[in-house]
């Protein structure tokens, strides 16, 4: 991975889980398409 042997296994697993959720696409509440994407912290765009 991108962290190698640094930072410990449990922290790397936690960060991986967070990055998967924040980079995945979500269903838009307005149009229903699976096009919601996180642009910056707290801002989602369809």
N, C-alpha and C. Protein backbone atom coordinates (compact mmCIF):
# COMPACT_ATOMS: atom_id res chain seq x y z
N UNK A 1 0.81 -1.19 0.00
CA UNK A 1 0.00 0.00 0.00
C UNK A 1 0.85 1.25 0.00
N UNK A 2 0.20 2.37 0.12
CA UNK A 2 0.95 3.62 0.03
C UNK A 2 1.66 3.98 1.33
N UNK A 3 1.35 3.29 2.44
CA UNK A 3 1.99 3.60 3.71
C UNK A 3 3.11 2.63 4.06
N UNK A 4 3.23 1.51 3.36
CA UNK A 4 4.29 0.56 3.63
C UNK A 4 4.15 -0.05 5.02
N UNK A 5 5.24 -0.05 5.79
CA UNK A 5 5.21 -0.64 7.13
C UNK A 5 4.98 0.40 8.21
N UNK A 6 4.68 1.61 7.84
CA UNK A 6 4.53 2.69 8.81
C UNK A 6 3.12 2.75 9.42
N UNK A 7 3.00 3.32 10.57
CA UNK A 7 1.77 3.71 11.27
C UNK A 7 0.97 2.59 11.90
N UNK A 8 1.31 1.33 11.73
CA UNK A 8 0.60 0.24 12.39
C UNK A 8 -0.57 -0.28 11.56
N UNK A 9 -0.86 -1.57 11.73
CA UNK A 9 -1.85 -2.24 10.90
C UNK A 9 -3.27 -1.74 11.16
N UNK A 10 -3.62 -1.53 12.43
CA UNK A 10 -5.00 -1.14 12.73
C UNK A 10 -5.31 0.25 12.20
N UNK A 11 -4.35 1.18 12.28
CA UNK A 11 -4.58 2.52 11.75
C UNK A 11 -4.68 2.50 10.23
N UNK A 12 -3.85 1.68 9.58
CA UNK A 12 -3.92 1.58 8.12
C UNK A 12 -5.26 1.02 7.67
N UNK A 13 -5.77 0.02 8.39
CA UNK A 13 -7.08 -0.55 8.05
C UNK A 13 -8.19 0.48 8.22
N UNK A 14 -8.10 1.28 9.29
CA UNK A 14 -9.11 2.30 9.55
C UNK A 14 -9.09 3.36 8.45
N UNK A 15 -7.89 3.79 8.05
CA UNK A 15 -7.77 4.80 7.01
C UNK A 15 -8.27 4.26 5.68
N UNK A 16 -7.98 2.99 5.40
CA UNK A 16 -8.45 2.38 4.15
C UNK A 16 -9.97 2.36 4.08
N UNK A 17 -10.61 2.02 5.21
CA UNK A 17 -12.07 1.99 5.25
C UNK A 17 -12.65 3.39 5.02
N UNK A 18 -12.02 4.41 5.63
CA UNK A 18 -12.49 5.78 5.45
C UNK A 18 -12.32 6.24 4.01
N UNK A 19 -11.18 5.91 3.39
CA UNK A 19 -10.93 6.35 2.03
C UNK A 19 -11.86 5.67 1.04
N UNK A 20 -12.21 4.41 1.29
CA UNK A 20 -13.15 3.71 0.41
C UNK A 20 -14.51 4.40 0.46
N UNK A 21 -14.98 4.76 1.67
CA UNK A 21 -16.29 5.39 1.77
C UNK A 21 -16.30 6.79 1.19
N UNK A 22 -15.21 7.54 1.33
CA UNK A 22 -15.24 8.91 0.84
C UNK A 22 -14.98 9.01 -0.66
N UNK A 23 -14.39 8.00 -1.28
CA UNK A 23 -14.14 8.06 -2.71
C UNK A 23 -15.18 7.30 -3.53
N UNK A 24 -16.08 6.58 -2.87
CA UNK A 24 -17.09 5.84 -3.62
C UNK A 24 -18.23 6.76 -4.04
N UNK A 25 -19.02 6.29 -5.01
CA UNK A 25 -20.14 7.08 -5.50
C UNK A 25 -21.39 6.73 -4.70
N UNK A 26 -22.25 7.71 -4.50
CA UNK A 26 -23.47 7.53 -3.74
C UNK A 26 -24.68 7.90 -4.58
N UNK A 27 -25.86 7.46 -4.16
CA UNK A 27 -27.09 7.76 -4.87
C UNK A 27 -27.54 9.18 -4.54
N UNK A 28 -27.84 9.96 -5.56
CA UNK A 28 -28.28 11.34 -5.38
C UNK A 28 -29.70 11.36 -4.82
N UNK A 29 -29.93 12.20 -3.83
CA UNK A 29 -31.25 12.26 -3.20
C UNK A 29 -32.25 13.03 -4.06
N UNK A 30 -31.78 13.86 -4.99
CA UNK A 30 -32.67 14.66 -5.82
C UNK A 30 -33.06 13.94 -7.11
N UNK A 31 -32.08 13.44 -7.86
CA UNK A 31 -32.40 12.84 -9.16
C UNK A 31 -32.41 11.32 -9.13
N UNK A 32 -31.87 10.70 -8.10
CA UNK A 32 -31.88 9.25 -7.98
C UNK A 32 -30.75 8.53 -8.69
N UNK A 33 -29.90 9.26 -9.41
CA UNK A 33 -28.78 8.64 -10.10
C UNK A 33 -27.65 8.34 -9.11
N UNK A 34 -26.83 7.37 -9.46
CA UNK A 34 -25.68 7.06 -8.61
C UNK A 34 -24.51 7.92 -9.08
N UNK A 35 -24.62 9.22 -8.83
CA UNK A 35 -23.64 10.16 -9.36
C UNK A 35 -23.08 11.10 -8.30
N UNK A 36 -23.50 10.92 -7.05
CA UNK A 36 -22.99 11.80 -6.00
C UNK A 36 -21.53 11.49 -5.74
N UNK A 37 -20.70 12.53 -5.75
CA UNK A 37 -19.28 12.35 -5.51
C UNK A 37 -18.81 13.44 -4.56
N UNK A 38 -17.90 13.11 -3.66
CA UNK A 38 -17.40 14.06 -2.68
C UNK A 38 -16.33 14.92 -3.34
N UNK A 39 -16.55 16.24 -3.38
CA UNK A 39 -15.56 17.13 -3.98
C UNK A 39 -14.57 17.62 -2.93
N UNK A 40 -15.06 18.12 -1.80
CA UNK A 40 -14.21 18.48 -0.65
C UNK A 40 -14.94 18.06 0.61
N UNK A 41 -14.37 18.33 1.77
CA UNK A 41 -14.95 17.90 3.04
C UNK A 41 -16.35 18.50 3.21
N UNK A 42 -17.36 17.65 3.31
CA UNK A 42 -18.72 18.10 3.55
C UNK A 42 -19.45 18.61 2.33
N UNK A 43 -18.82 18.61 1.14
CA UNK A 43 -19.47 19.10 -0.08
C UNK A 43 -19.57 17.94 -1.06
N UNK A 44 -20.81 17.64 -1.47
CA UNK A 44 -21.06 16.56 -2.40
C UNK A 44 -21.68 17.14 -3.66
N UNK A 45 -21.27 16.65 -4.82
CA UNK A 45 -21.82 17.17 -6.08
C UNK A 45 -22.39 16.01 -6.89
N UNK A 46 -23.44 16.31 -7.63
CA UNK A 46 -24.11 15.31 -8.45
C UNK A 46 -23.65 15.45 -9.89
